[in-house]
């Protein structure tokens, strides 16, 4: 859907940076740790007999009742999603495969790492694949690799390891360095998968978080997990994935692993409420989902993933996720419901929406208001298309900071007071097709990053996701964007009716409010003014 972007501005920035880097910088960083060229990376693959594991045996009765189908459950709340990962890790018999764009070394990341270590101590093989862009400490990853059952690899690593030196990578290898592995997968025993928009970190799981992301994951049980495992194996065995031990010059020892265990324990002690939630949820979580199977929605689904080589060559063959998204949108007959944190449609997207509206398709879209985005540049790029979206007939909403509503089913989760950032990447087509994944509806996801998504054909699952998205459209949670006549005195000087302008309608303090200016303070207004004038901002989000 996004416009097929031109990248002359980006290439110009790269050429300029290379020109400005003086030769002495190379001498300055020559002593920095670089990749070790001889680190072995033997291929490995998913476990081939998931039915022989505890999870496989527990799921067998439900699978027999639903032959050929997979089970799906939406994980709407952050702490619930962390509990699900931890509980599945604790139930693992053979393998855990985890693939993430961001894995923070905070309380949430430490909680999950502890459960991975405990699984490895039981003999479970753990494979952890992380993109290099947001990595923190190489030493922790290398220490984790000391465990005989844990393998850690880094995707598309920079040559210069100190974070302060990474600008060199962008100066010298801009085309490659700006392309990232954005996939998010958590696979246990090749039987259960968690896939969606969440990275690993406090903000994503609502653990000691200053800001809380509104996001969705989906728990997948059964045959579709084999597709997720094939996607993971494709990345794991790619030449772009480098063993973590290649990131440092010093060989780590079992003592380093023990130090890491103590660091993890210290961080976990700071996690609020996780032990309570986990103790309440762990014993029942897997059994509720697997033994009766009826808490899952059973349907046909499909995993769609970009190949690793997309970071080197963005072409029709390397963009299957974006192309599948286009296909689902273009095939809509009645309704499209979207919740997308970062939405930059490009002119092609505007034209597609216009065509769909002309054929009677209702389009409802929830995206980030400025105060609920963690990427202001993405908002600036979206802002350019807001007027066109409304003119095209899109029912448009901007998600705002709001008091969170209590969940009716409080079995796994107690909400914090507020959400403060939107991070969702979900949509429903014709109340039948559910899409959940890592793909942002912007040029970066389409052209630069690798992505993964699951497409499920189910009216029941679509109804569950639609209920959550429609709740986020309510005036307590979102501004509705419309075009209305300008009531301000200056508009009276125009001949004829006042010109229509963009307005924001919602509720503040329980009262309906319509704003005729964007709800932002002066500092935000100034930030948007300057960011929106960066050349090529649409292309490099």
Protein backbone atom coordinates (compact mmCIF):
# COMPACT_ATOMS: atom_id res chain seq x y z
CA UNK A 1 0.00 0.00 0.00
CA UNK A 2 2.73 2.60 0.76
CA UNK A 3 4.12 4.53 -2.19
CA UNK A 4 7.13 2.94 -3.87
CA UNK A 5 9.53 5.43 -2.33
CA UNK A 6 12.51 7.13 -3.94
CA UNK A 7 15.66 7.25 -1.84
CA UNK A 8 17.82 9.94 -3.43
CA UNK A 9 17.77 11.99 -0.24
CA UNK A 10 18.95 9.01 1.81
CA UNK A 11 21.73 8.19 -0.62
CA UNK A 12 22.78 11.83 -0.58
CA UNK A 13 23.01 11.79 3.20
CA UNK A 14 25.14 8.66 3.05
CA UNK A 15 27.50 10.16 0.45
CA UNK A 16 27.80 13.38 2.44
CA UNK A 17 28.59 11.50 5.65
CA UNK A 18 31.27 9.48 3.91
CA UNK A 19 32.80 12.65 2.51
CA UNK A 20 32.89 14.34 5.92
CA UNK A 21 34.47 11.47 7.86
CA UNK A 22 38.18 12.32 8.11
CA UNK A 23 40.73 9.58 7.84
CA UNK A 24 41.89 9.98 11.41
CA UNK A 25 38.59 8.55 12.66
CA UNK A 26 39.62 5.19 11.31
CA UNK A 27 42.78 5.30 13.39
CA UNK A 28 40.72 6.46 16.37
CA UNK A 29 38.47 3.42 16.30
CA UNK A 30 41.03 0.92 15.09
CA UNK A 31 41.32 -0.43 18.60
CA UNK A 32 37.57 -1.02 18.94
CA UNK A 33 36.29 -4.58 19.15
CA UNK A 34 35.12 -5.84 15.77
CA UNK A 35 33.50 -9.02 14.52
CA UNK A 36 35.51 -12.20 14.95
CA UNK A 37 35.67 -13.78 11.49
CA UNK A 38 36.13 -17.41 12.61
CA UNK A 39 33.13 -17.89 14.92
CA UNK A 40 31.34 -21.07 13.76
CA UNK A 41 27.64 -20.87 12.87
CA UNK A 42 26.47 -24.45 12.30
CA UNK A 43 22.93 -24.79 10.89
CA UNK A 44 20.13 -26.05 13.12
CA UNK A 45 16.41 -26.55 12.67
CA UNK A 46 13.09 -26.79 14.48
CA UNK A 47 12.14 -29.83 16.55
CA UNK A 48 10.41 -32.32 14.25
CA UNK A 49 8.13 -34.17 16.68
CA UNK A 50 6.09 -31.57 18.57
CA UNK A 51 3.34 -34.11 19.22
CA UNK A 52 5.75 -36.01 21.51
CA UNK A 53 6.14 -33.11 23.97
CA UNK A 54 3.95 -32.27 26.97
CA UNK A 55 2.49 -29.35 25.06
CA UNK A 56 1.86 -31.52 22.02
CA UNK A 57 0.11 -34.21 24.08
CA UNK A 58 -1.96 -31.61 25.92
CA UNK A 59 -3.05 -30.04 22.64
CA UNK A 60 -3.82 -33.33 20.88
CA UNK A 61 -7.52 -33.66 21.93
CA UNK A 62 -8.33 -30.16 20.72
CA UNK A 63 -6.49 -30.75 17.45
CA UNK A 64 -8.46 -33.94 16.91
CA UNK A 65 -11.68 -31.97 17.32
CA UNK A 66 -10.44 -29.40 14.78
CA UNK A 67 -8.55 -31.34 12.08
CA UNK A 68 -6.36 -29.20 9.83
CA UNK A 69 -6.99 -26.06 11.86
CA UNK A 70 -4.84 -24.12 14.33
CA UNK A 71 -5.85 -22.45 17.57
CA UNK A 72 -5.59 -18.67 17.98
CA UNK A 73 -5.91 -16.46 21.05
CA UNK A 74 -5.46 -12.69 21.12
CA UNK A 75 -3.10 -11.38 23.81
CA UNK A 76 -4.36 -7.86 24.27
CA UNK A 77 -2.58 -6.82 27.47
CA UNK A 78 1.12 -6.54 28.08
CA UNK A 79 1.58 -8.39 31.36
CA UNK A 80 -0.68 -11.19 30.14
CA UNK A 81 1.57 -11.52 27.10
CA UNK A 82 4.69 -11.79 29.28
CA UNK A 83 2.99 -14.39 31.50
CA UNK A 84 2.13 -16.39 28.37
CA UNK A 85 5.76 -16.41 27.22
CA UNK A 86 7.07 -17.36 30.66
CA UNK A 87 4.47 -20.10 31.15
CA UNK A 88 5.17 -21.64 27.76
CA UNK A 89 8.93 -21.50 28.42
CA UNK A 90 8.36 -23.35 31.69
CA UNK A 91 6.32 -26.00 29.86
CA UNK A 92 8.94 -26.54 27.13
CA UNK A 93 10.44 -30.01 26.75
CA UNK A 94 12.67 -29.67 23.69
CA UNK A 95 13.12 -26.22 22.12
CA UNK A 96 12.49 -22.50 22.50
CA UNK A 97 13.13 -20.18 19.55
CA UNK A 98 12.88 -16.41 20.07
CA UNK A 99 13.38 -13.72 17.43
CA UNK A 100 13.13 -9.99 18.26
CA UNK A 101 13.91 -6.53 16.94
CA UNK A 102 14.35 -5.14 20.48
CA UNK A 103 15.30 -7.05 23.63
CA UNK A 104 15.85 -4.62 26.50
CA UNK A 105 18.08 -5.45 29.48
CA UNK A 106 15.45 -4.28 31.96
CA UNK A 107 13.12 -6.05 34.38
CA UNK A 108 10.88 -7.56 31.69
CA UNK A 109 13.82 -8.69 29.60
CA UNK A 110 15.43 -10.18 32.72
CA UNK A 111 12.24 -12.04 33.67
CA UNK A 112 12.07 -13.70 30.29
CA UNK A 113 15.84 -14.40 30.29
CA UNK A 114 15.53 -16.15 33.65
CA UNK A 115 12.81 -18.42 32.30
CA UNK A 116 14.91 -19.16 29.23
CA UNK A 117 17.86 -20.06 31.47
CA UNK A 118 15.69 -22.28 33.64
CA UNK A 119 14.47 -24.08 30.53
CA UNK A 120 18.05 -24.52 29.32
CA UNK A 121 19.04 -25.89 32.74
CA UNK A 122 16.38 -28.60 32.20
CA UNK A 123 17.98 -29.50 28.86
CA UNK A 124 15.79 -27.42 26.51
CA UNK A 125 17.65 -26.05 23.49
CA UNK A 126 17.22 -22.26 23.35
CA UNK A 127 17.95 -20.25 20.19
CA UNK A 128 17.80 -16.46 20.57
CA UNK A 129 18.04 -14.29 17.44
CA UNK A 130 18.17 -10.50 17.89
CA UNK A 131 18.53 -7.59 15.53
CA UNK A 132 21.64 -5.54 16.24
CA UNK A 133 20.17 -2.04 15.96
CA UNK A 134 18.89 -1.74 19.55
CA UNK A 135 21.24 -4.13 21.32
CA UNK A 136 22.75 -3.00 24.59
CA UNK A 137 25.50 -5.10 26.16
CA UNK A 138 27.37 -7.54 23.93
CA UNK A 139 28.97 -9.05 27.04
CA UNK A 140 25.61 -10.24 28.42
CA UNK A 141 24.73 -11.98 25.16
CA UNK A 142 28.13 -13.63 25.01
CA UNK A 143 27.84 -14.73 28.65
CA UNK A 144 24.40 -16.22 27.91
CA UNK A 145 26.01 -18.18 25.06
CA UNK A 146 28.31 -19.87 27.58
CA UNK A 147 25.38 -22.10 28.57
CA UNK A 148 25.73 -25.35 26.57
CA UNK A 149 22.01 -25.35 25.65
CA UNK A 150 21.73 -21.67 24.64
CA UNK A 151 22.74 -20.25 21.29
CA UNK A 152 22.56 -16.51 20.60
CA UNK A 153 22.91 -14.92 17.17
CA UNK A 154 22.75 -11.28 16.06
CA UNK A 155 21.21 -10.25 12.76
CA UNK A 156 23.01 -7.74 10.53
CA UNK A 157 25.57 -6.69 13.18
CA UNK A 158 27.61 -3.54 12.90
CA UNK A 159 31.35 -3.90 12.44
CA UNK A 160 32.24 -1.38 15.18
CA UNK A 161 30.73 -2.65 18.44
CA UNK A 162 30.87 0.36 20.82
CA UNK A 163 27.56 2.19 20.53
CA UNK A 164 29.31 5.56 20.27
CA UNK A 165 31.11 4.30 17.15
CA UNK A 166 28.05 3.01 15.34
CA UNK A 167 27.54 6.21 13.40
CA UNK A 168 30.53 5.04 11.39
CA UNK A 169 28.49 2.08 10.20
CA UNK A 170 25.82 4.41 8.88
CA UNK A 171 28.41 6.61 7.24
CA UNK A 172 30.19 3.73 5.55
CA UNK A 173 27.36 1.24 4.98
CA UNK A 174 24.20 3.35 5.10
CA UNK A 175 22.23 1.20 2.65
CA UNK A 176 22.71 -1.94 4.75
CA UNK A 177 22.78 -0.46 8.25
CA UNK A 178 19.40 1.25 7.93
CA UNK A 179 17.66 -2.04 7.03
CA UNK A 180 16.62 -4.06 10.05
CA UNK A 181 15.04 -7.36 11.12
CA UNK A 182 11.74 -6.21 12.63
CA UNK A 183 10.30 -9.73 13.17
CA UNK A 184 8.89 -10.85 16.53
CA UNK A 185 8.44 -14.59 17.18
CA UNK A 186 8.42 -16.78 20.30
CA UNK A 187 8.11 -20.51 19.50
CA UNK A 188 8.01 -23.38 22.02
CA UNK A 189 8.48 -27.05 21.04
CA UNK A 190 7.33 -26.23 17.49
CA UNK A 191 3.81 -26.42 18.95
CA UNK A 192 2.99 -22.93 20.29
CA UNK A 193 3.90 -19.54 18.82
CA UNK A 194 3.46 -15.99 20.08
CA UNK A 195 3.59 -13.48 17.22
CA UNK A 196 2.70 -9.80 17.03
CA UNK A 197 3.84 -6.27 17.62
CA UNK A 198 5.54 -6.54 21.02
CA UNK A 199 9.28 -6.44 21.49
CA UNK A 200 10.78 -7.50 24.83
CA UNK A 201 10.95 -4.69 27.38
CA UNK A 202 9.13 -3.01 30.25
CA UNK A 203 7.07 -0.69 28.05
CA UNK A 204 5.77 -3.55 25.93
CA UNK A 205 4.78 -5.75 28.89
CA UNK A 206 3.71 -3.06 31.39
CA UNK A 207 6.45 -3.85 33.91
CA UNK A 208 7.70 -0.80 35.84
CA UNK A 209 6.92 1.24 32.73
CA UNK A 210 6.78 5.02 32.57
CA UNK A 211 4.91 4.65 29.29
CA UNK A 212 2.70 1.72 28.36
CA UNK A 213 2.26 0.55 24.80
CA UNK A 214 -1.15 -0.40 23.45
CA UNK A 215 -0.41 -3.48 21.35
CA UNK A 216 -1.53 -6.96 20.34
CA UNK A 217 0.05 -10.40 20.12
CA UNK A 218 -1.58 -13.64 19.05
CA UNK A 219 -1.00 -17.03 20.64
CA UNK A 220 -0.95 -19.76 17.99
CA UNK A 221 -1.29 -23.49 18.69
CA UNK A 222 -0.97 -26.33 16.23
CA UNK A 223 -0.04 -26.67 12.54
CA UNK A 224 0.59 -23.00 11.73
CA UNK A 225 3.44 -23.05 14.24
CA UNK A 226 5.39 -25.20 11.78
CA UNK A 227 5.27 -22.26 9.34
CA UNK A 228 6.55 -19.93 12.06
CA UNK A 229 9.40 -22.35 12.79
CA UNK A 230 10.32 -22.52 9.10
CA UNK A 231 10.46 -18.71 9.04
CA UNK A 232 12.68 -18.69 12.13
CA UNK A 233 15.01 -21.33 10.68
CA UNK A 234 15.35 -19.29 7.49
CA UNK A 235 16.70 -16.34 9.51
CA UNK A 236 18.71 -18.40 11.98
CA UNK A 237 20.65 -20.16 9.21
CA UNK A 238 21.07 -17.03 7.11
CA UNK A 239 24.53 -15.60 6.47
CA UNK A 240 23.20 -12.36 8.00
CA UNK A 241 22.94 -14.03 11.44
CA UNK A 242 26.24 -13.98 13.35
CA UNK A 243 26.94 -15.89 16.60
CA UNK A 244 27.12 -13.58 19.61
CA UNK A 245 30.54 -14.94 20.49
CA UNK A 246 31.83 -13.15 17.37
CA UNK A 247 30.97 -9.79 18.92
CA UNK A 248 33.81 -9.73 21.46
CA UNK A 249 37.49 -10.41 21.61
CA UNK A 250 37.54 -12.05 25.06
CA UNK A 251 36.29 -15.61 25.56
CA UNK A 252 33.63 -15.80 28.27
CA UNK A 253 33.66 -18.43 31.02
CA UNK A 254 31.07 -20.13 33.28
CA UNK A 255 31.91 -17.45 35.85
CA UNK A 256 30.59 -14.81 33.46
CA UNK A 257 27.34 -16.76 33.14
CA UNK A 258 26.98 -16.90 36.93
CA UNK A 259 27.52 -13.14 37.14
CA UNK A 260 24.79 -12.71 34.55
CA UNK A 261 22.41 -14.87 36.59
CA UNK A 262 22.98 -12.62 39.62
CA UNK A 263 22.38 -9.50 37.50
CA UNK A 264 19.12 -10.96 36.21
CA UNK A 265 17.96 -11.86 39.71
CA UNK A 266 18.66 -8.33 40.94
CA UNK A 267 16.66 -6.79 38.10
CA UNK A 268 13.74 -9.20 38.51
CA UNK A 269 13.37 -8.18 42.17
CA UNK A 270 12.44 -4.71 40.93
CA UNK A 271 9.55 -6.00 38.81
CA UNK A 272 6.24 -5.00 40.31
CA UNK A 273 3.44 -7.57 40.58
CA UNK A 274 4.90 -10.08 38.10
CA UNK A 275 5.37 -12.85 40.69
CA UNK A 276 1.79 -12.42 41.88
CA UNK A 277 0.35 -12.42 38.38
CA UNK A 278 2.53 -15.30 37.28
CA UNK A 279 1.75 -17.48 40.31
CA UNK A 280 -1.97 -16.95 39.66
CA UNK A 281 -1.72 -17.55 35.95
CA UNK A 282 1.07 -20.03 35.36
CA UNK A 283 -0.54 -23.23 36.67
CA UNK A 284 -3.67 -22.69 34.63
CA UNK A 285 -2.44 -20.83 31.58
CA UNK A 286 -1.21 -23.65 29.38
CA UNK A 287 -3.82 -26.13 30.62
CA UNK A 288 -6.69 -23.71 29.97
CA UNK A 289 -5.45 -23.02 26.46
CA UNK A 290 -4.44 -26.55 25.54
CA UNK A 291 -6.38 -29.19 27.49
CA UNK A 292 -9.87 -28.07 26.58
CA UNK A 293 -8.74 -25.95 23.61
CA UNK A 294 -12.03 -24.07 23.61
CA UNK A 295 -10.48 -20.88 24.95
CA UNK A 296 -8.76 -20.71 21.56
CA UNK A 297 -10.43 -19.91 18.26
CA UNK A 298 -9.81 -22.76 15.82
CA UNK A 299 -9.48 -21.73 12.20
CA UNK A 300 -7.27 -21.82 9.13
CA UNK A 301 -4.35 -19.41 9.14
CA UNK A 302 -1.08 -18.68 7.40
CA UNK A 303 2.27 -17.17 8.41
CA UNK A 304 3.68 -14.67 5.91
CA UNK A 305 7.31 -13.58 6.22
CA UNK A 306 9.86 -11.57 4.29
CA UNK A 307 13.13 -13.38 3.46
CA UNK A 308 16.34 -12.25 5.20
CA UNK A 309 17.84 -11.07 1.90
CA UNK A 310 15.33 -8.22 1.82
CA UNK A 311 17.87 -6.10 3.71
CA UNK A 312 20.18 -6.38 0.70
CA UNK A 313 17.62 -6.32 -2.12
CA UNK A 314 14.13 -4.87 -1.75
CA UNK A 315 12.18 -6.22 -4.70
CA UNK A 316 8.87 -7.90 -5.52
CA UNK A 317 10.38 -11.26 -4.49
CA UNK A 318 11.54 -9.97 -1.10
CA UNK A 319 8.35 -8.11 -0.07
CA UNK A 320 5.74 -10.88 0.38
CA UNK A 321 4.37 -9.39 3.62
CA UNK A 322 3.71 -5.99 2.06
CA UNK A 323 2.29 -7.57 -1.07
CA UNK A 324 -0.03 -9.80 0.97
CA UNK A 325 -1.25 -6.76 2.88
CA UNK A 326 -2.01 -5.01 -0.42
CA UNK A 327 -3.88 -8.11 -1.57
CA UNK A 328 -6.05 -8.28 1.55
CA UNK A 329 -6.90 -4.57 1.39
CA UNK A 330 -7.62 -4.59 -2.34
CA UNK A 331 -9.93 -7.60 -1.90
CA UNK A 332 -12.16 -5.92 0.70
CA UNK A 333 -15.87 -5.90 -0.16
CA UNK A 334 -17.54 -4.36 2.88
CA UNK A 335 -15.30 -3.06 5.66
CA UNK A 336 -11.67 -2.49 6.65
CA UNK A 337 -10.84 -1.88 10.32
CA UNK A 338 -7.24 -0.85 11.07
CA UNK A 339 -5.29 -0.01 14.21
CA UNK A 340 -1.78 1.06 13.20
CA UNK A 341 0.58 3.05 15.38
CA UNK A 342 2.69 4.27 12.44
CA UNK A 343 0.60 4.93 9.36
CA UNK A 344 2.09 6.56 6.26
CA UNK A 345 -0.06 5.54 3.26
CA UNK A 346 1.73 7.40 0.49
CA UNK A 347 -0.18 8.55 -2.58
CA UNK A 348 -0.76 4.93 -3.66
CA UNK A 349 -2.51 4.23 -0.36
CA UNK A 350 -4.72 7.30 -0.68
CA UNK A 351 -5.73 6.25 -4.18
CA UNK A 352 -6.49 2.71 -3.01
CA UNK A 353 -8.72 4.01 -0.21
CA UNK A 354 -10.52 6.28 -2.66
CA UNK A 355 -11.21 3.34 -4.96
CA UNK A 356 -12.44 1.19 -2.09
CA UNK A 357 -14.76 3.93 -0.85
CA UNK A 358 -16.16 4.35 -4.36
CA UNK A 359 -17.09 0.65 -4.25
CA UNK A 360 -18.88 1.09 -0.92
CA UNK A 361 -16.16 -0.25 1.42
CA UNK A 362 -16.23 1.33 4.89
CA UNK A 363 -12.75 2.16 6.19
CA UNK A 364 -12.12 2.88 9.86
CA UNK A 365 -8.58 3.69 10.95
CA UNK A 366 -7.08 4.28 14.41
CA UNK A 367 -3.55 5.68 14.43
CA UNK A 368 -1.40 7.65 16.88
CA UNK A 369 -2.05 11.17 18.04
CA UNK A 370 1.13 13.12 18.59
CA UNK A 371 1.06 12.61 22.35
CA UNK A 372 0.80 8.80 21.98
CA UNK A 373 3.50 8.12 19.45
CA UNK A 374 7.03 7.12 20.39
CA UNK A 375 8.25 8.09 16.89
CA UNK A 376 7.40 11.77 16.20
CA UNK A 377 8.97 11.54 12.74
CA UNK A 378 6.42 8.91 11.76
CA UNK A 379 3.64 11.19 12.95
CA UNK A 380 5.02 14.06 10.88
CA UNK A 381 4.97 11.87 7.77
CA UNK A 382 1.40 10.71 8.50
CA UNK A 383 0.27 14.28 9.15
CA UNK A 384 0.82 15.15 5.49
CA UNK A 385 -1.88 12.65 4.48
CA UNK A 386 -4.48 13.37 7.18
CA UNK A 387 -6.53 15.80 5.08
CA UNK A 388 -6.46 13.44 2.08
CA UNK A 389 -7.57 10.49 4.21
CA UNK A 390 -10.61 12.37 5.49
CA UNK A 391 -11.40 13.67 1.99
CA UNK A 392 -11.18 10.09 0.68
CA UNK A 393 -13.93 9.10 3.14
CA UNK A 394 -11.82 7.30 5.74
CA UNK A 395 -13.35 7.31 9.23
CA UNK A 396 -10.17 8.49 10.97
CA UNK A 397 -9.22 8.44 14.67
CA UNK A 398 -6.10 9.46 16.58
CA UNK A 399 -5.43 7.49 19.75
CA UNK A 400 -4.77 9.75 22.75
CA UNK A 401 -3.55 9.41 26.33
CA UNK A 402 -6.52 8.28 28.39
CA UNK A 403 -7.48 6.51 31.60
CA UNK A 404 -7.48 2.78 30.89
CA UNK A 405 -10.72 0.86 31.16
CA UNK A 406 -10.94 -2.16 33.43
CA UNK A 407 -10.90 -5.53 31.72
CA UNK A 408 -14.01 -7.65 32.23
CA UNK A 409 -11.90 -10.81 32.47
CA UNK A 410 -9.34 -9.93 35.13
CA UNK A 411 -8.00 -13.48 35.26
CA UNK A 412 -4.49 -12.61 34.14
CA UNK A 413 -4.09 -8.89 34.28
CA UNK A 414 -4.58 -5.70 36.30
CA UNK A 415 -4.34 -2.54 34.25
CA UNK A 416 -2.20 0.42 35.12
CA UNK A 417 -3.87 3.85 35.11
CA UNK A 418 -3.15 4.76 31.51
CA UNK A 419 -1.87 3.84 28.12
CA UNK A 420 0.52 6.42 26.78
CA UNK A 421 1.65 5.11 23.41
CA UNK A 422 0.09 3.21 20.54
CA UNK A 423 2.15 0.37 19.08
CA UNK A 424 -0.51 -1.79 17.36
CA UNK A 425 -0.20 -3.31 13.87
CA UNK A 426 -3.53 -5.10 13.35
CA UNK A 427 -6.45 -5.04 10.93
CA UNK A 428 -9.69 -6.84 10.14
CA UNK A 429 -11.13 -7.17 6.60
CA UNK A 430 -14.83 -7.85 5.96
CA UNK A 431 -15.23 -9.11 9.55
CA UNK A 432 -13.61 -12.36 8.39
CA UNK A 433 -9.86 -11.88 7.87
CA UNK A 434 -7.65 -11.05 10.87
CA UNK A 435 -4.13 -9.68 10.37
CA UNK A 436 -1.67 -9.46 13.29
CA UNK A 437 2.07 -8.97 12.94
CA UNK A 438 5.13 -6.77 13.08
CA UNK A 439 4.36 -4.86 9.87
CA UNK A 440 3.85 -1.11 10.29
CA UNK A 441 1.79 0.45 7.53
CA UNK A 442 4.61 2.68 6.32
CA UNK A 443 7.38 2.68 3.67
CA UNK A 444 10.01 1.37 6.08
CA UNK A 445 8.14 -1.86 6.73
CA UNK A 446 7.30 -2.19 3.05
CA UNK A 447 10.73 -1.48 1.59
CA UNK A 448 13.48 -1.65 4.24
CA UNK A 449 12.75 -3.87 7.25
CA UNK A 450 11.99 -7.56 7.26
CA UNK A 451 8.58 -8.39 8.74
CA UNK A 452 6.28 -11.27 9.71
CA UNK A 453 2.50 -11.56 10.07
CA UNK A 454 -0.24 -14.13 10.52
CA UNK A 455 -3.42 -14.03 8.41
CA UNK A 456 -6.40 -15.89 9.90
CA UNK A 457 -9.70 -16.69 8.16
CA UNK A 458 -12.16 -16.58 11.05
CA UNK A 459 -15.29 -14.55 11.74
CA UNK A 460 -14.99 -15.37 15.45
CA UNK A 461 -11.39 -14.17 15.82
CA UNK A 462 -12.16 -11.12 13.67
CA UNK A 463 -15.07 -10.26 15.97
CA UNK A 464 -12.81 -10.43 19.04
CA UNK A 465 -10.17 -8.17 17.49
CA UNK A 466 -12.81 -5.80 16.07
CA UNK A 467 -14.30 -5.38 19.55
CA UNK A 468 -10.94 -4.21 20.91
CA UNK A 469 -10.24 -1.86 17.99
CA UNK A 470 -13.74 -0.38 18.15
CA UNK A 471 -13.27 0.22 21.89
CA UNK A 472 -10.16 2.22 21.03
CA UNK A 473 -12.24 4.40 18.66
CA UNK A 474 -14.44 5.61 21.53
CA UNK A 475 -14.24 9.33 22.39
CA UNK A 476 -12.64 8.60 25.77
CA UNK A 477 -9.71 6.95 23.98
CA UNK A 478 -9.38 8.66 20.61
CA UNK A 479 -9.95 11.90 18.78
CA UNK A 480 -12.21 11.58 15.75
CA UNK A 481 -10.74 13.53 12.83
CA UNK A 482 -13.22 15.36 10.62
CA UNK A 483 -13.48 18.30 8.24
CA UNK A 484 -15.75 21.07 9.55
CA UNK A 485 -16.32 24.76 8.67
CA UNK A 486 -13.80 27.06 10.35
CA UNK A 487 -15.66 28.95 13.11
CA UNK A 488 -12.80 31.29 13.97
CA UNK A 489 -13.22 35.02 13.33
CA UNK A 490 -10.55 35.10 10.63
CA UNK A 491 -12.62 32.68 8.55
CA UNK A 492 -15.44 35.25 8.35
CA UNK A 493 -13.35 37.40 5.99
CA UNK A 494 -13.70 34.77 3.26
CA UNK A 495 -16.52 35.26 0.81
CA UNK A 496 -19.13 32.52 1.01
CA UNK A 497 -19.17 29.71 3.56
CA UNK A 498 -16.13 29.33 5.84
CA UNK A 499 -13.58 26.88 4.46
CA UNK A 500 -13.54 23.41 6.07
CA UNK A 501 -10.61 22.59 8.34
CA UNK A 502 -9.44 19.51 10.24
CA UNK A 503 -11.06 19.13 13.67
CA UNK A 504 -10.53 16.81 16.67
CA UNK A 505 -13.65 15.58 18.49
CA UNK A 506 -13.57 13.53 21.68
CA UNK A 507 -14.19 13.65 25.42
CA UNK A 508 -12.20 15.46 28.08
CA UNK A 509 -13.22 15.04 31.71
CA UNK A 510 -16.44 13.34 30.63
CA UNK A 511 -17.51 16.26 28.45
CA UNK A 512 -17.65 16.29 24.62
CA UNK A 513 -15.04 18.56 23.08
CA UNK A 514 -14.30 19.69 19.53
CA UNK A 515 -10.90 21.26 18.88
CA UNK A 516 -10.09 23.37 15.83
CA UNK A 517 -6.34 23.13 16.40
CA UNK A 518 -4.11 20.13 16.89
CA UNK A 519 -3.99 19.05 20.57
CA UNK A 520 -0.33 19.63 21.34
CA UNK A 521 1.71 22.02 23.46
CA UNK A 522 4.11 24.62 22.08
CA UNK A 523 7.17 22.37 22.44
CA UNK A 524 5.49 19.58 20.46
CA UNK A 525 4.30 22.06 17.86
CA UNK A 526 7.87 23.31 17.41
CA UNK A 527 9.22 19.75 17.18
CA UNK A 528 6.69 18.82 14.51
CA UNK A 529 7.44 21.98 12.56
CA UNK A 530 11.13 21.16 12.23
CA UNK A 531 10.77 17.38 11.78
CA UNK A 532 8.19 17.77 9.03
CA UNK A 533 10.71 19.75 7.00
CA UNK A 534 13.34 17.01 6.88
CA UNK A 535 13.78 15.95 3.23
CA UNK A 536 12.74 12.37 2.52
CA UNK A 537 11.14 11.85 5.95
CA UNK A 538 8.51 9.53 4.44
CA UNK A 539 11.19 7.18 3.13
CA UNK A 540 13.41 6.76 6.19
CA UNK A 541 11.01 6.22 9.09
